[in-house]
């Protein structure tokens, strides 16, 4: 009878030990994944900080400072971007008008001279 008891006890201890090891492996795996996620997030914050002129001189600004300065920068750049987009659209319209006038002059020249203006 004692050998059966020892066998049972060893089996139970083995199962418990496996559960503890398995739990520790799961925890270690989770910790590694979480560390990688945090490192990735911190790297992205540093990349953003490197793009903001007012943060160029700071070695490791806090996440709060990075977000604050990024928002300030976007608020300054956004209106400038919108003005440049409007100017670009205005210049496209001017260019279209100039091309149309050029083509009209070209047609007039060809009719007047009877020659094609440009032949390749």
C-alpha atoms as a PDB file:
ATOM      1  CA  UNK A   1       0.000   0.000   0.000  1.00  0.00           C
ATOM      2  CA  UNK A   2       2.762   2.519   0.749  1.00  0.00           C
ATOM      3  CA  UNK A   3       4.188   2.225  -2.784  1.00  0.00           C
ATOM      4  CA  UNK A   4       0.810   3.217  -4.261  1.00  0.00           C
ATOM      5  CA  UNK A   5       0.646   6.181  -1.891  1.00  0.00           C
ATOM      6  CA  UNK A   6       4.146   7.319  -2.897  1.00  0.00           C
ATOM      7  CA  UNK A   7       3.286   6.905  -6.563  1.00  0.00           C
ATOM      8  CA  UNK A   8       0.121   8.973  -6.092  1.00  0.00           C
ATOM      9  CA  UNK A   9       2.004  11.624  -4.117  1.00  0.00           C
ATOM     10  CA  UNK A  10       4.721  11.863  -6.763  1.00  0.00           C
ATOM     11  CA  UNK A  11       2.068  12.163  -9.492  1.00  0.00           C
ATOM     12  CA  UNK A  12       0.274  14.973  -7.666  1.00  0.00           C
ATOM     13  CA  UNK A  13       3.538  16.801  -6.998  1.00  0.00           C
ATOM     14  CA  UNK A  14       4.547  16.428 -10.640  1.00  0.00           C
ATOM     15  CA  UNK A  15       1.247  17.927 -11.805  1.00  0.00           C
ATOM     16  CA  UNK A  16       1.544  20.790  -9.329  1.00  0.00           C
ATOM     17  CA  UNK A  17       5.131  21.460 -10.343  1.00  0.00           C
ATOM     18  CA  UNK A  18       4.126  21.455 -14.038  1.00  0.00           C
ATOM     19  CA  UNK A  19       1.375  23.957 -13.298  1.00  0.00           C
ATOM     20  CA  UNK A  20       3.774  26.250 -11.429  1.00  0.00           C
ATOM     21  CA  UNK A  21       6.376  26.044 -14.235  1.00  0.00           C
ATOM     22  CA  UNK A  22       3.700  26.506 -16.894  1.00  0.00           C
ATOM     23  CA  UNK A  23       2.285  29.502 -14.995  1.00  0.00           C
ATOM     24  CA  UNK A  24       5.769  30.997 -14.641  1.00  0.00           C
ATOM     25  CA  UNK A  25       6.413  30.501 -18.366  1.00  0.00           C
ATOM     26  CA  UNK A  26       3.117  32.170 -19.223  1.00  0.00           C
ATOM     27  CA  UNK A  27       3.915  35.084 -16.915  1.00  0.00           C
ATOM     28  CA  UNK A  28       7.426  35.418 -18.361  1.00  0.00           C
ATOM     29  CA  UNK A  29       6.051  35.290 -21.896  1.00  0.00           C
ATOM     30  CA  UNK A  30       3.424  37.904 -21.080  1.00  0.00           C
ATOM     31  CA  UNK A  31       6.065  40.128 -19.466  1.00  0.00           C
ATOM     32  CA  UNK A  32       8.293  39.856 -22.534  1.00  0.00           C
ATOM     33  CA  UNK A  33       5.414  40.751 -24.863  1.00  0.00           C
ATOM     34  CA  UNK A  34       4.413  43.689 -22.671  1.00  0.00           C
ATOM     35  CA  UNK A  35       8.041  44.914 -22.499  1.00  0.00           C
ATOM     36  CA  UNK A  36       8.291  44.772 -26.302  1.00  0.00           C
ATOM     37  CA  UNK A  37       5.028  46.725 -26.620  1.00  0.00           C
ATOM     38  CA  UNK A  38       6.266  49.408 -24.212  1.00  0.00           C
ATOM     39  CA  UNK A  39       9.625  49.637 -25.985  1.00  0.00           C
ATOM     40  CA  UNK A  40       7.889  50.018 -29.340  1.00  0.00           C
ATOM     41  CA  UNK A  41       5.600  52.717 -27.983  1.00  0.00           C
ATOM     42  CA  UNK A  42       8.519  54.575 -26.405  1.00  0.00           C
ATOM     43  CA  UNK A  43      10.434  54.393 -29.698  1.00  0.00           C
ATOM     44  CA  UNK A  44       7.459  55.914 -31.535  1.00  0.00           C
ATOM     45  CA  UNK A  45       7.293  58.757 -29.017  1.00  0.00           C
ATOM     46  CA  UNK A  46      11.009  59.404 -29.578  1.00  0.00           C
ATOM     47  CA  UNK A  47      10.489  59.383 -33.376  1.00  0.00           C
ATOM     48  CA  UNK A  48       7.723  61.954 -32.995  1.00  0.00           C
ATOM     49  CA  UNK A  49       9.927  64.059 -30.703  1.00  0.00           C
ATOM     50  CA  UNK A  50      12.696  63.978 -33.325  1.00  0.00           C
ATOM     51  CA  UNK A  51      10.290  65.506 -35.870  1.00  0.00           C
ATOM     52  CA  UNK A  52       9.237  68.448 -33.699  1.00  0.00           C
ATOM     53  CA  UNK A  53      11.620  71.428 -33.936  1.00  0.00           C
ATOM     54  CA  UNK A  54      11.096  72.591 -30.330  1.00  0.00           C
ATOM     55  CA  UNK A  55      12.054  69.109 -29.051  1.00  0.00           C
ATOM     56  CA  UNK A  56      15.210  68.642 -31.140  1.00  0.00           C
ATOM     57  CA  UNK A  57      17.537  69.657 -28.301  1.00  0.00           C
ATOM     58  CA  UNK A  58      15.909  67.489 -25.621  1.00  0.00           C
ATOM     59  CA  UNK A  59      17.446  64.039 -25.250  1.00  0.00           C
ATOM     60  CA  UNK A  60      14.485  62.180 -23.731  1.00  0.00           C
ATOM     61  CA  UNK A  61      11.390  64.373 -23.298  1.00  0.00           C
ATOM     62  CA  UNK A  62       8.453  62.959 -21.349  1.00  0.00           C
ATOM     63  CA  UNK A  63       5.471  61.587 -23.241  1.00  0.00           C
ATOM     64  CA  UNK A  64       3.359  64.462 -21.945  1.00  0.00           C
ATOM     65  CA  UNK A  65       5.824  67.037 -23.296  1.00  0.00           C
ATOM     66  CA  UNK A  66       6.019  65.190 -26.638  1.00  0.00           C
ATOM     67  CA  UNK A  67       2.230  65.237 -27.003  1.00  0.00           C
ATOM     68  CA  UNK A  68       1.926  68.855 -25.859  1.00  0.00           C
ATOM     69  CA  UNK A  69       4.636  70.139 -28.227  1.00  0.00           C
ATOM     70  CA  UNK A  70       3.298  68.001 -31.077  1.00  0.00           C
ATOM     71  CA  UNK A  71      -0.168  69.506 -30.695  1.00  0.00           C
ATOM     72  CA  UNK A  72       1.331  73.018 -30.599  1.00  0.00           C
ATOM     73  CA  UNK A  73       3.341  72.285 -33.735  1.00  0.00           C
ATOM     74  CA  UNK A  74       0.331  70.881 -35.602  1.00  0.00           C
ATOM     75  CA  UNK A  75      -1.735  73.931 -34.638  1.00  0.00           C
ATOM     76  CA  UNK A  76       0.952  76.191 -36.113  1.00  0.00           C
ATOM     77  CA  UNK A  77       1.611  74.126 -39.248  1.00  0.00           C
ATOM     78  CA  UNK A  78      -2.012  73.308 -40.148  1.00  0.00           C
ATOM     79  CA  UNK A  79      -3.062  76.859 -41.153  1.00  0.00           C
ATOM     80  CA  UNK A  80       0.183  77.283 -43.097  1.00  0.00           C
ATOM     81  CA  UNK A  81      -0.481  74.026 -44.937  1.00  0.00           C
ATOM     82  CA  UNK A  82      -4.042  75.092 -45.752  1.00  0.00           C
ATOM     83  CA  UNK A  83      -2.786  78.436 -47.124  1.00  0.00           C
ATOM     84  CA  UNK A  84      -0.222  76.642 -49.272  1.00  0.00           C
ATOM     85  CA  UNK A  85      -2.875  74.261 -50.577  1.00  0.00           C
ATOM     86  CA  UNK A  86      -5.086  77.212 -51.523  1.00  0.00           C
ATOM     87  CA  UNK A  87      -2.134  78.928 -53.249  1.00  0.00           C
ATOM     88  CA  UNK A  88      -1.320  75.733 -55.125  1.00  0.00           C
ATOM     89  CA  UNK A  89      -4.909  75.485 -56.354  1.00  0.00           C
ATOM     90  CA  UNK A  90      -4.839  79.153 -57.427  1.00  0.00           C
ATOM     91  CA  UNK A  91      -1.599  78.595 -59.354  1.00  0.00           C
ATOM     92  CA  UNK A  92      -3.088  75.543 -61.071  1.00  0.00           C
ATOM     93  CA  UNK A  93      -6.018  77.660 -62.252  1.00  0.00           C
ATOM     94  CA  UNK A  94      -3.619  80.368 -63.501  1.00  0.00           C
ATOM     95  CA  UNK A  95      -1.545  77.753 -65.325  1.00  0.00           C
ATOM     96  CA  UNK A  96      -4.662  76.279 -66.943  1.00  0.00           C
ATOM     97  CA  UNK A  97      -5.708  79.732 -68.127  1.00  0.00           C
ATOM     98  CA  UNK A  98      -2.225  80.428 -69.546  1.00  0.00           C
ATOM     99  CA  UNK A  99      -2.182  77.093 -71.388  1.00  0.00           C
ATOM    100  CA  UNK A 100      -5.621  77.790 -72.870  1.00  0.00           C
ATOM    101  CA  UNK A 101      -4.505  81.244 -74.036  1.00  0.00           C
ATOM    102  CA  UNK A 102      -1.311  79.781 -75.472  1.00  0.00           C
ATOM    103  CA  UNK A 103      -3.260  77.162 -77.425  1.00  0.00           C
ATOM    104  CA  UNK A 104      -5.603  79.842 -78.782  1.00  0.00           C
ATOM    105  CA  UNK A 105      -2.586  81.911 -79.905  1.00  0.00           C
ATOM    106  CA  UNK A 106      -0.989  78.814 -81.425  1.00  0.00           C
ATOM    107  CA  UNK A 107      -4.133  78.030 -83.416  1.00  0.00           C
ATOM    108  CA  UNK A 108      -4.348  81.643 -84.561  1.00  0.00           C
ATOM    109  CA  UNK A 109      -0.667  81.560 -85.640  1.00  0.00           C
ATOM    110  CA  UNK A 110      -1.157  78.317 -87.578  1.00  0.00           C
ATOM    111  CA  UNK A 111      -4.231  79.685 -89.370  1.00  0.00           C
ATOM    112  CA  UNK A 112      -2.494  82.954 -90.163  1.00  0.00           C
ATOM    113  CA  UNK A 113       0.738  81.418 -91.448  1.00  0.00           C
ATOM    114  CA  UNK A 114      -0.594  78.124 -92.741  1.00  0.00           C
ATOM    115  CA  UNK A 115       2.215  76.336 -90.953  1.00  0.00           C
ATOM    116  CA  UNK A 116       2.315  74.110 -87.919  1.00  0.00           C
ATOM    117  CA  UNK A 117       4.117  75.846 -85.091  1.00  0.00           C
ATOM    118  CA  UNK A 118       5.990  72.776 -83.801  1.00  0.00           C
ATOM    119  CA  UNK A 119       6.727  69.599 -85.646  1.00  0.00           C
ATOM    120  CA  UNK A 120       8.730  66.823 -84.050  1.00  0.00           C
END
